[in-house]
Amino acid sequence: MIGVIDVGGGLRGIYGSGVFDRCLDDNVAFDYCIGVSAGSANAITYLSGQKGRTYRFYHDYSSRKEYMSFGNFLKHSQYIDLDYVYGTLTNSGGEDELDFPTAMKNKSNLTVVVTDAKTGKPAYFTKHDMMQDDYRVLKASSALPLVCKSYEINGRMYYDGGISDPVPVKRALEDGCEKFVLILTKPLANSDTLTRDGRAAKLLKGKYPELSEKLKDKSINYKKGVDLALELEKQGKCIIIAPDDCCGVSTLTKEKDKLHALYEKGYNDGARIKEFVK
């Protein structure tokens, strides 16, 4: 089974958007997809065959105040309104609706990583845990603490999957992947999240102590996942697609020229995948 892992990374996810769009153009098919945070949105849109759709979300819609703004924070206590992103825009009749029926018919499996707010442990949902116009799984996977609210699924509250399993290589192997593509959204040598995550972890410690501990270890776990992928790459079981430069894009960057440049980089880098999956 050949799989693909997209680790997301906020608006840096536009790099993965470019990679998947290249896969659509090259008629590359995967048996299995696993997405973390924004990577889950990239993956399900790839399964729906809607080239260019996720690009618009990163490049065009992110500049709207309804998408992310301090006004959102004042009104809804969240800087990014994921109900707008995965509801208003995405639902049936929305401005850029997801072709959910086509994604469901796609033979590829889809796993979405989330983090249990209380335990700090990862949880894994599939596309069969979603319904038309009910995309809480995608919302939860992208819900950064302190930036977004948590989301309830089956009686439990969840946050961003990247907190607990930022590079889910082990999960992909456990699910049966023999070869896989790993899409990163920052250079291999870049591990600059430690200080920022440490500050957020302190703010979360009172309400969610287990989640706080997991957030403190995020950069360490990220590196472990990448190191495992590097070992598998030596064995010919993995190919890592990562930008050599982020083009000035960070998690919440809105500059359109920078976003477009990173998308183009992902589209061009994605050309390596066609030969690998053969």
C-alpha atoms as a PDB file:
ATOM      1  CA  MET A   1       0.000   0.000   0.000  1.00  0.00           C
ATOM      2  CA  ILE A   2       1.349   3.414  -0.996  1.00  0.00           C
ATOM      3  CA  GLY A   3       0.432   6.359   1.221  1.00  0.00           C
ATOM      4  CA  VAL A   4       0.909  10.079   1.621  1.00  0.00           C
ATOM      5  CA  ILE A   5       1.312  12.076   4.827  1.00  0.00           C
ATOM      6  CA  ASP A   6       0.675  15.834   4.932  1.00  0.00           C
ATOM      7  CA  VAL A   7       1.720  17.388   8.244  1.00  0.00           C
ATOM      8  CA  GLY A   8       0.058  20.767   7.612  1.00  0.00           C
ATOM      9  CA  GLY A   9       1.381  23.870   9.321  1.00  0.00           C
ATOM     10  CA  GLY A  10      -1.212  26.628   9.189  1.00  0.00           C
ATOM     11  CA  LEU A  11      -0.953  28.737   6.047  1.00  0.00           C
ATOM     12  CA  ARG A  12       2.326  27.015   5.183  1.00  0.00           C
ATOM     13  CA  GLY A  13      -0.065  24.242   4.161  1.00  0.00           C
ATOM     14  CA  ILE A  14      -0.259  25.960   0.785  1.00  0.00           C
ATOM     15  CA  TYR A  15       2.972  24.109  -0.003  1.00  0.00           C
ATOM     16  CA  GLY A  16       1.132  20.806   0.425  1.00  0.00           C
ATOM     17  CA  SER A  17      -1.692  22.219  -1.662  1.00  0.00           C
ATOM     18  CA  GLY A  18       0.771  22.672  -4.511  1.00  0.00           C
ATOM     19  CA  VAL A  19       2.121  19.148  -4.067  1.00  0.00           C
ATOM     20  CA  PHE A  20      -1.353  17.598  -4.226  1.00  0.00           C
ATOM     21  CA  ASP A  21      -2.334  19.706  -7.236  1.00  0.00           C
ATOM     22  CA  ARG A  22       0.747  18.374  -9.019  1.00  0.00           C
ATOM     23  CA  CYS A  23      -0.325  14.838  -8.082  1.00  0.00           C
ATOM     24  CA  LEU A  24      -3.723  15.489  -9.662  1.00  0.00           C
ATOM     25  CA  ASP A  25      -2.084  16.771 -12.849  1.00  0.00           C
ATOM     26  CA  ASP A  26       0.251  13.757 -12.931  1.00  0.00           C
ATOM     27  CA  ASN A  27      -2.586  11.297 -12.227  1.00  0.00           C
ATOM     28  CA  VAL A  28      -0.847  10.056  -9.097  1.00  0.00           C
ATOM     29  CA  ALA A  29      -3.093   7.872  -6.933  1.00  0.00           C
ATOM     30  CA  PHE A  30      -2.487   6.867  -3.318  1.00  0.00           C
ATOM     31  CA  ASP A  31      -4.043   3.976  -1.426  1.00  0.00           C
ATOM     32  CA  TYR A  32      -3.909   5.874   1.846  1.00  0.00           C
ATOM     33  CA  CYS A  33      -3.793   9.504   2.957  1.00  0.00           C
ATOM     34  CA  ILE A  34      -3.196  10.820   6.465  1.00  0.00           C
ATOM     35  CA  GLY A  35      -3.519  14.516   7.237  1.00  0.00           C
ATOM     36  CA  VAL A  36      -2.580  16.625  10.216  1.00  0.00           C
ATOM     37  CA  SER A  37      -4.135  20.061  10.735  1.00  0.00           C
ATOM     38  CA  ALA A  38      -4.358  21.881   7.382  1.00  0.00           C
ATOM     39  CA  GLY A  39      -2.923  18.741   5.808  1.00  0.00           C
ATOM     40  CA  SER A  40      -6.245  16.999   6.377  1.00  0.00           C
ATOM     41  CA  ALA A  41      -8.036  19.644   4.282  1.00  0.00           C
ATOM     42  CA  ASN A  42      -5.420  19.253   1.554  1.00  0.00           C
ATOM     43  CA  ALA A  43      -5.892  15.493   1.563  1.00  0.00           C
ATOM     44  CA  ILE A  44      -9.682  15.412   1.360  1.00  0.00           C
ATOM     45  CA  THR A  45      -9.692  18.024  -1.411  1.00  0.00           C
ATOM     46  CA  TYR A  46      -7.168  15.890  -3.294  1.00  0.00           C
ATOM     47  CA  LEU A  47      -9.560  12.932  -2.925  1.00  0.00           C
ATOM     48  CA  SER A  48     -12.388  15.075  -4.278  1.00  0.00           C
ATOM     49  CA  GLY A  49     -10.275  15.946  -7.327  1.00  0.00           C
ATOM     50  CA  GLN A  50     -10.814  19.692  -6.934  1.00  0.00           C
ATOM     51  CA  LYS A  51      -7.527  21.115  -8.177  1.00  0.00           C
ATOM     52  CA  GLY A  52      -6.919  24.688  -7.010  1.00  0.00           C
ATOM     53  CA  ARG A  53      -9.548  24.610  -4.276  1.00  0.00           C
ATOM     54  CA  THR A  54      -7.239  24.620  -1.272  1.00  0.00           C
ATOM     55  CA  TYR A  55      -5.037  27.233  -2.972  1.00  0.00           C
ATOM     56  CA  ARG A  56      -7.968  29.644  -2.838  1.00  0.00           C
ATOM     57  CA  PHE A  57      -8.468  29.006   0.867  1.00  0.00           C
ATOM     58  CA  TYR A  58      -4.849  29.846   1.690  1.00  0.00           C
ATOM     59  CA  HIS A  59      -4.232  32.558  -0.870  1.00  0.00           C
ATOM     60  CA  ASP A  60      -7.587  34.310  -1.315  1.00  0.00           C
ATOM     61  CA  TYR A  61      -9.871  33.696   1.645  1.00  0.00           C
ATOM     62  CA  SER A  62      -7.269  33.962   4.414  1.00  0.00           C
ATOM     63  CA  SER A  63      -7.192  37.751   3.970  1.00  0.00           C
ATOM     64  CA  ARG A  64     -10.869  38.039   4.890  1.00  0.00           C
ATOM     65  CA  LYS A  65     -11.694  39.211   8.388  1.00  0.00           C
ATOM     66  CA  GLU A  66     -14.273  36.426   8.677  1.00  0.00           C
ATOM     67  CA  TYR A  67     -11.467  33.898   8.200  1.00  0.00           C
ATOM     68  CA  MET A  68      -8.966  35.260  10.702  1.00  0.00           C
ATOM     69  CA  SER A  69      -8.767  38.587  12.457  1.00  0.00           C
ATOM     70  CA  PHE A  70      -8.626  40.191  15.865  1.00  0.00           C
ATOM     71  CA  GLY A  71     -12.268  41.062  15.277  1.00  0.00           C
ATOM     72  CA  ASN A  72     -12.997  37.331  15.355  1.00  0.00           C
ATOM     73  CA  PHE A  73     -11.121  37.107  18.631  1.00  0.00           C
ATOM     74  CA  LEU A  74     -13.176  39.898  20.178  1.00  0.00           C
ATOM     75  CA  LYS A  75     -16.484  38.450  18.948  1.00  0.00           C
ATOM     76  CA  HIS A  76     -15.889  34.711  19.225  1.00  0.00           C
ATOM     77  CA  SER A  77     -12.742  34.369  21.381  1.00  0.00           C
ATOM     78  CA  GLN A  78     -10.880  32.803  18.455  1.00  0.00           C
ATOM     79  CA  TYR A  79      -8.569  34.411  15.930  1.00  0.00           C
ATOM     80  CA  ILE A  80      -9.327  31.856  13.195  1.00  0.00           C
ATOM     81  CA  ASP A  81     -12.991  31.012  12.664  1.00  0.00           C
ATOM     82  CA  LEU A  82     -12.911  27.403  11.485  1.00  0.00           C
ATOM     83  CA  ASP A  83     -16.707  27.367  11.308  1.00  0.00           C
ATOM     84  CA  TYR A  84     -16.381  29.924   8.519  1.00  0.00           C
ATOM     85  CA  VAL A  85     -13.592  27.989   6.793  1.00  0.00           C
ATOM     86  CA  TYR A  86     -15.086  24.486   7.037  1.00  0.00           C
ATOM     87  CA  GLY A  87     -18.712  25.572   7.223  1.00  0.00           C
ATOM     88  CA  THR A  88     -19.756  28.762   5.468  1.00  0.00           C
ATOM     89  CA  LEU A  89     -17.263  28.360   2.620  1.00  0.00           C
ATOM     90  CA  THR A  90     -17.171  24.567   2.458  1.00  0.00           C
ATOM     91  CA  ASN A  91     -20.755  23.375   2.989  1.00  0.00           C
ATOM     92  CA  SER A  92     -23.275  22.642   0.235  1.00  0.00           C
ATOM     93  CA  GLY A  93     -24.095  25.884  -1.547  1.00  0.00           C
ATOM     94  CA  GLY A  94     -21.060  27.579  -0.026  1.00  0.00           C
ATOM     95  CA  GLU A  95     -18.743  29.768  -2.021  1.00  0.00           C
ATOM     96  CA  ASP A  96     -16.226  26.959  -2.499  1.00  0.00           C
ATOM     97  CA  GLU A  97     -18.000  23.788  -1.441  1.00  0.00           C
ATOM     98  CA  LEU A  98     -16.213  20.495  -1.019  1.00  0.00           C
ATOM     99  CA  ASP A  99     -17.272  17.730  -3.405  1.00  0.00           C
ATOM    100  CA  PHE A 100     -17.755  15.373  -0.493  1.00  0.00           C
ATOM    101  CA  PRO A 101     -19.559  12.615  -2.460  1.00  0.00           C
ATOM    102  CA  THR A 102     -16.584  12.298  -4.820  1.00  0.00           C
ATOM    103  CA  ALA A 103     -14.141  12.171  -1.897  1.00  0.00           C
ATOM    104  CA  MET A 104     -16.193   9.380  -0.331  1.00  0.00           C
ATOM    105  CA  LYS A 105     -16.258   7.405  -3.582  1.00  0.00           C
ATOM    106  CA  ASN A 106     -12.490   7.677  -3.936  1.00  0.00           C
ATOM    107  CA  LYS A 107     -10.929   4.274  -3.200  1.00  0.00           C
ATOM    108  CA  SER A 108      -8.182   5.836  -1.089  1.00  0.00           C
ATOM    109  CA  ASN A 109      -8.479   5.690   2.686  1.00  0.00           C
ATOM    110  CA  LEU A 110      -8.221   8.944   4.638  1.00  0.00           C
ATOM    111  CA  THR A 111      -7.104   9.302   8.249  1.00  0.00           C
ATOM    112  CA  VAL A 112      -7.308  12.624  10.097  1.00  0.00           C
ATOM    113  CA  VAL A 113      -5.208  13.244  13.227  1.00  0.00           C
ATOM    114  CA  VAL A 114      -6.650  15.161  16.205  1.00  0.00           C
ATOM    115  CA  THR A 115      -5.583  15.625  19.830  1.00  0.00           C
ATOM    116  CA  ASP A 116      -7.776  14.869  22.839  1.00  0.00           C
ATOM    117  CA  ALA A 117      -7.915  18.090  24.872  1.00  0.00           C
ATOM    118  CA  LYS A 118      -8.132  16.287  28.205  1.00  0.00           C
ATOM    119  CA  THR A 119      -5.582  13.484  27.752  1.00  0.00           C
ATOM    120  CA  GLY A 120      -3.240  15.089  25.223  1.00  0.00           C
ATOM    121  CA  LYS A 121      -3.235  11.814  23.279  1.00  0.00           C
ATOM    122  CA  PRO A 122      -3.776  11.520  19.529  1.00  0.00           C
ATOM    123  CA  ALA A 123      -7.008  10.215  18.080  1.00  0.00           C
ATOM    124  CA  TYR A 124      -7.567   9.163  14.510  1.00  0.00           C
ATOM    125  CA  PHE A 125     -10.725   9.594  12.468  1.00  0.00           C
ATOM    126  CA  THR A 126     -11.469   8.562   8.896  1.00  0.00           C
ATOM    127  CA  LYS A 127     -13.528  10.113   6.137  1.00  0.00           C
ATOM    128  CA  HIS A 128     -16.341   7.813   7.253  1.00  0.00           C
ATOM    129  CA  ASP A 129     -16.514   9.782  10.512  1.00  0.00           C
ATOM    130  CA  MET A 130     -17.623  12.800   8.464  1.00  0.00           C
ATOM    131  CA  MET A 131     -20.923  13.551   6.800  1.00  0.00           C
ATOM    132  CA  GLN A 132     -21.926  16.042   4.153  1.00  0.00           C
ATOM    133  CA  ASP A 133     -21.714  19.511   5.762  1.00  0.00           C
ATOM    134  CA  ASP A 134     -20.461  18.121   9.076  1.00  0.00           C
ATOM    135  CA  TYR A 135     -16.706  18.586   8.986  1.00  0.00           C
ATOM    136  CA  ARG A 136     -15.956  18.798  12.707  1.00  0.00           C
ATOM    137  CA  VAL A 137     -13.145  16.272  12.229  1.00  0.00           C
ATOM    138  CA  LEU A 138     -11.356  18.697   9.902  1.00  0.00           C
ATOM    139  CA  LYS A 139     -12.079  21.620  12.217  1.00  0.00           C
ATOM    140  CA  ALA A 140     -10.696  19.758  15.222  1.00  0.00           C
ATOM    141  CA  SER A 141      -7.544  18.714  13.378  1.00  0.00           C
ATOM    142  CA  SER A 142      -6.784  22.372  12.575  1.00  0.00           C
ATOM    143  CA  ALA A 143      -7.844  23.923  15.907  1.00  0.00           C
ATOM    144  CA  LEU A 144      -4.716  25.515  17.356  1.00  0.00           C
ATOM    145  CA  PRO A 145      -5.076  26.168  21.111  1.00  0.00           C
ATOM    146  CA  LEU A 146      -5.401  29.863  22.029  1.00  0.00           C
ATOM    147  CA  VAL A 147      -6.052  30.670  18.352  1.00  0.00           C
ATOM    148  CA  CYS A 148      -9.149  28.506  17.843  1.00  0.00           C
ATOM    149  CA  LYS A 149     -11.761  26.876  20.025  1.00  0.00           C
ATOM    150  CA  SER A 150     -11.796  23.114  20.566  1.00  0.00           C
ATOM    151  CA  TYR A 151     -14.371  20.894  18.833  1.00  0.00           C
ATOM    152  CA  GLU A 152     -16.596  18.203  20.260  1.00  0.00           C
ATOM    153  CA  ILE A 153     -16.817  14.797  18.596  1.00  0.00           C
ATOM    154  CA  ASN A 154     -18.665  11.926  20.257  1.00  0.00           C
ATOM    155  CA  GLY A 155     -18.658  13.659  23.616  1.00  0.00           C
ATOM    156  CA  ARG A 156     -14.942  14.530  23.744  1.00  0.00           C
ATOM    157  CA  MET A 157     -13.170  17.794  22.959  1.00  0.00           C
ATOM    158  CA  TYR A 158     -10.345  17.900  20.438  1.00  0.00           C
ATOM    159  CA  TYR A 159      -7.612  20.246  19.251  1.00  0.00           C
ATOM    160  CA  ASP A 160      -5.009  20.310  16.484  1.00  0.00           C
ATOM    161  CA  GLY A 161      -3.578  16.897  15.616  1.00  0.00           C
ATOM    162  CA  GLY A 162      -0.081  18.305  15.315  1.00  0.00           C
ATOM    163  CA  ILE A 163       0.170  18.655  19.092  1.00  0.00           C
ATOM    164  CA  SER A 164       0.153  14.916  19.768  1.00  0.00           C
ATOM    165  CA  ASP A 165       1.292  13.337  16.478  1.00  0.00           C
ATOM    166  CA  PRO A 166       2.910  16.028  14.316  1.00  0.00           C
ATOM    167  CA  VAL A 167       4.522  13.610  11.833  1.00  0.00           C
ATOM    168  CA  PRO A 168       2.392  10.421  11.909  1.00  0.00           C
ATOM    169  CA  VAL A 169       4.831   8.066  10.194  1.00  0.00           C
ATOM    170  CA  LYS A 170       4.298   5.283  12.754  1.00  0.00           C
ATOM    171  CA  ARG A 171       0.542   5.478  12.303  1.00  0.00           C
ATOM    172  CA  ALA A 172       0.890   5.189   8.528  1.00  0.00           C
ATOM    173  CA  LEU A 173       3.066   2.099   8.953  1.00  0.00           C
ATOM    174  CA  GLU A 174       0.635   0.585  11.465  1.00  0.00           C
ATOM    175  CA  ASP A 175      -2.196   1.161   8.996  1.00  0.00           C
ATOM    176  CA  GLY A 176      -0.354  -0.882   6.388  1.00  0.00           C
ATOM    177  CA  CYS A 177       1.694   1.571   4.319  1.00  0.00           C
ATOM    178  CA  GLU A 178       4.676  -0.118   2.691  1.00  0.00           C
ATOM    179  CA  LYS A 179       5.831   3.033   0.906  1.00  0.00           C
ATOM    180  CA  PHE A 180       4.795   6.626   1.487  1.00  0.00           C
ATOM    181  CA  VAL A 181       5.337  10.244   0.577  1.00  0.00           C
ATOM    182  CA  LEU A 182       5.910  12.638   3.482  1.00  0.00           C
ATOM    183  CA  ILE A 183       4.962  16.268   2.825  1.00  0.00           C
ATOM    184  CA  LEU A 184       6.585  18.761   5.196  1.00  0.00           C
ATOM    185  CA  THR A 185       5.891  22.483   5.043  1.00  0.00           C
ATOM    186  CA  LYS A 186       9.207  23.754   6.329  1.00  0.00           C
ATOM    187  CA  PRO A 187      12.810  22.822   5.503  1.00  0.00           C
ATOM    188  CA  LEU A 188      14.128  19.584   6.968  1.00  0.00           C
ATOM    189  CA  ALA A 189      16.634  21.396   9.175  1.00  0.00           C
ATOM    190  CA  ASN A 190      14.059  23.811  10.614  1.00  0.00           C
ATOM    191  CA  SER A 191      12.807  23.132  14.166  1.00  0.00           C
ATOM    192  CA  ASP A 192      11.946  26.652  15.307  1.00  0.00           C
ATOM    193  CA  THR A 193       8.654  25.943  17.114  1.00  0.00           C
ATOM    194  CA  LEU A 194      10.054  25.151  20.554  1.00  0.00           C
ATOM    195  CA  THR A 195       9.908  28.651  22.095  1.00  0.00           C
ATOM    196  CA  ARG A 196       6.476  29.491  20.717  1.00  0.00           C
ATOM    197  CA  ASP A 197       4.983  26.165  21.770  1.00  0.00           C
ATOM    198  CA  GLY A 198       6.556  26.540  25.211  1.00  0.00           C
ATOM    199  CA  ARG A 199       4.743  29.828  25.798  1.00  0.00           C
ATOM    200  CA  ALA A 200       1.414  28.368  24.669  1.00  0.00           C
ATOM    201  CA  ALA A 201       1.962  25.329  26.882  1.00  0.00           C
ATOM    202  CA  LYS A 202       2.297  27.555  29.960  1.00  0.00           C
ATOM    203  CA  LEU A 203      -0.982  29.290  29.179  1.00  0.00           C
ATOM    204  CA  LEU A 204      -2.789  25.947  28.771  1.00  0.00           C
ATOM    205  CA  LYS A 205      -1.352  24.264  31.863  1.00  0.00           C
ATOM    206  CA  GLY A 206      -4.131  25.278  34.252  1.00  0.00           C
ATOM    207  CA  LYS A 207      -7.057  24.013  32.178  1.00  0.00           C
ATOM    208  CA  TYR A 208      -5.409  21.229  30.181  1.00  0.00           C
ATOM    209  CA  PRO A 209      -2.265  19.990  31.970  1.00  0.00           C
ATOM    210  CA  GLU A 210      -1.849  16.861  29.811  1.00  0.00           C
ATOM    211  CA  LEU A 211      -2.307  18.845  26.605  1.00  0.00           C
ATOM    212  CA  SER A 212       0.205  21.376  27.898  1.00  0.00           C
ATOM    213  CA  GLU A 213       2.836  18.682  28.425  1.00  0.00           C
ATOM    214  CA  LYS A 214       2.267  17.274  24.955  1.00  0.00           C
ATOM    215  CA  LEU A 215       2.574  20.733  23.413  1.00  0.00           C
ATOM    216  CA  LYS A 216       5.927  21.248  25.157  1.00  0.00           C
ATOM    217  CA  ASP A 217       7.176  18.047  23.510  1.00  0.00           C
ATOM    218  CA  LYS A 218       5.813  18.865  20.062  1.00  0.00           C
ATOM    219  CA  SER A 219       9.114  19.854  18.451  1.00  0.00           C
ATOM    220  CA  ILE A 220      10.818  16.774  19.908  1.00  0.00           C
ATOM    221  CA  ASN A 221       8.115  14.480  18.527  1.00  0.00           C
ATOM    222  CA  TYR A 222       8.223  16.298  15.205  1.00  0.00           C
ATOM    223  CA  LYS A 223      11.936  15.563  14.927  1.00  0.00           C
ATOM    224  CA  LYS A 224      11.408  11.906  15.873  1.00  0.00           C
ATOM    225  CA  GLY A 225       8.873  11.496  13.088  1.00  0.00           C
ATOM    226  CA  VAL A 226      11.134  13.149  10.537  1.00  0.00           C
ATOM    227  CA  ASP A 227      14.144  11.078  11.663  1.00  0.00           C
ATOM    228  CA  LEU A 228      12.150   7.867  11.195  1.00  0.00           C
ATOM    229  CA  ALA A 229      11.133   9.013   7.717  1.00  0.00           C
ATOM    230  CA  LEU A 230      14.762   9.755   6.863  1.00  0.00           C
ATOM    231  CA  GLU A 231      15.742   6.211   7.829  1.00  0.00           C
ATOM    232  CA  LEU A 232      12.939   4.786   5.699  1.00  0.00           C
ATOM    233  CA  GLU A 233      13.969   7.053   2.833  1.00  0.00           C
ATOM    234  CA  LYS A 234      17.399   5.412   2.857  1.00  0.00           C
ATOM    235  CA  GLN A 235      15.623   2.079   2.429  1.00  0.00           C
ATOM    236  CA  GLY A 236      13.623   3.347  -0.536  1.00  0.00           C
ATOM    237  CA  LYS A 237      10.362   3.157   1.401  1.00  0.00           C
ATOM    238  CA  CYS A 238       9.770   6.906   1.672  1.00  0.00           C
ATOM    239  CA  ILE A 239      10.298  10.124  -0.203  1.00  0.00           C
ATOM    240  CA  ILE A 240      10.295  13.417   1.697  1.00  0.00           C
ATOM    241  CA  ILE A 241       8.914  16.457  -0.103  1.00  0.00           C
ATOM    242  CA  ALA A 242       9.903  19.625   1.772  1.00  0.00           C
ATOM    243  CA  PRO A 243      10.594  23.222   0.754  1.00  0.00           C
ATOM    244  CA  ASP A 244      14.171  24.456   0.774  1.00  0.00           C
ATOM    245  CA  ASP A 245      12.743  27.795   1.916  1.00  0.00           C
ATOM    246  CA  CYS A 246       9.356  28.899   3.273  1.00  0.00           C
ATOM    247  CA  CYS A 247       9.288  32.034   1.090  1.00  0.00           C
ATOM    248  CA  GLY A 248       8.610  34.133   4.177  1.00  0.00           C
ATOM    249  CA  VAL A 249       5.422  32.249   5.045  1.00  0.00           C
ATOM    250  CA  SER A 250       4.794  31.429   8.701  1.00  0.00           C
ATOM    251  CA  THR A 251       1.785  29.758  10.333  1.00  0.00           C
ATOM    252  CA  LEU A 252      -0.475  32.809   9.985  1.00  0.00           C
ATOM    253  CA  THR A 253       1.122  34.753   7.103  1.00  0.00           C
ATOM    254  CA  LYS A 254      -1.364  36.494   4.770  1.00  0.00           C
ATOM    255  CA  GLU A 255       0.935  38.068   2.147  1.00  0.00           C
ATOM    256  CA  LYS A 256      -0.360  36.797  -1.179  1.00  0.00           C
ATOM    257  CA  ASP A 257       2.918  36.975  -3.083  1.00  0.00           C
ATOM    258  CA  LYS A 258       4.691  34.884  -0.467  1.00  0.00           C
ATOM    259  CA  LEU A 259       1.848  32.371  -0.325  1.00  0.00           C
ATOM    260  CA  HIS A 260       1.824  32.010  -4.100  1.00  0.00           C
ATOM    261  CA  ALA A 261       5.587  31.494  -4.188  1.00  0.00           C
ATOM    262  CA  LEU A 262       5.338  28.678  -1.631  1.00  0.00           C
ATOM    263  CA  TYR A 263       2.490  27.059  -3.588  1.00  0.00           C
ATOM    264  CA  GLU A 264       4.593  27.141  -6.756  1.00  0.00           C
ATOM    265  CA  LYS A 265       7.470  25.578  -4.863  1.00  0.00           C
ATOM    266  CA  GLY A 266       5.194  22.751  -3.705  1.00  0.00           C
ATOM    267  CA  TYR A 267       3.816  22.211  -7.217  1.00  0.00           C
ATOM    268  CA  ASN A 268       7.315  21.969  -8.682  1.00  0.00           C
ATOM    269  CA  ASP A 269       8.693  19.777  -5.884  1.00  0.00           C
ATOM    270  CA  GLY A 270       5.724  17.447  -6.271  1.00  0.00           C
ATOM    271  CA  ALA A 271       7.040  16.379  -9.690  1.00  0.00           C
ATOM    272  CA  ARG A 272       9.323  13.896  -7.883  1.00  0.00           C
ATOM    273  CA  ILE A 273       6.392  11.823  -6.666  1.00  0.00           C
ATOM    274  CA  LYS A 274       5.243  10.326  -9.982  1.00  0.00           C
ATOM    275  CA  GLU A 275       8.397   8.291 -10.431  1.00  0.00           C
ATOM    276  CA  PHE A 276       8.475   7.207  -6.779  1.00  0.00           C
ATOM    277  CA  VAL A 277       4.970   5.713  -6.781  1.00  0.00           C
ATOM    278  CA  LYS A 278       5.754   3.645  -9.873  1.00  0.00           C
END
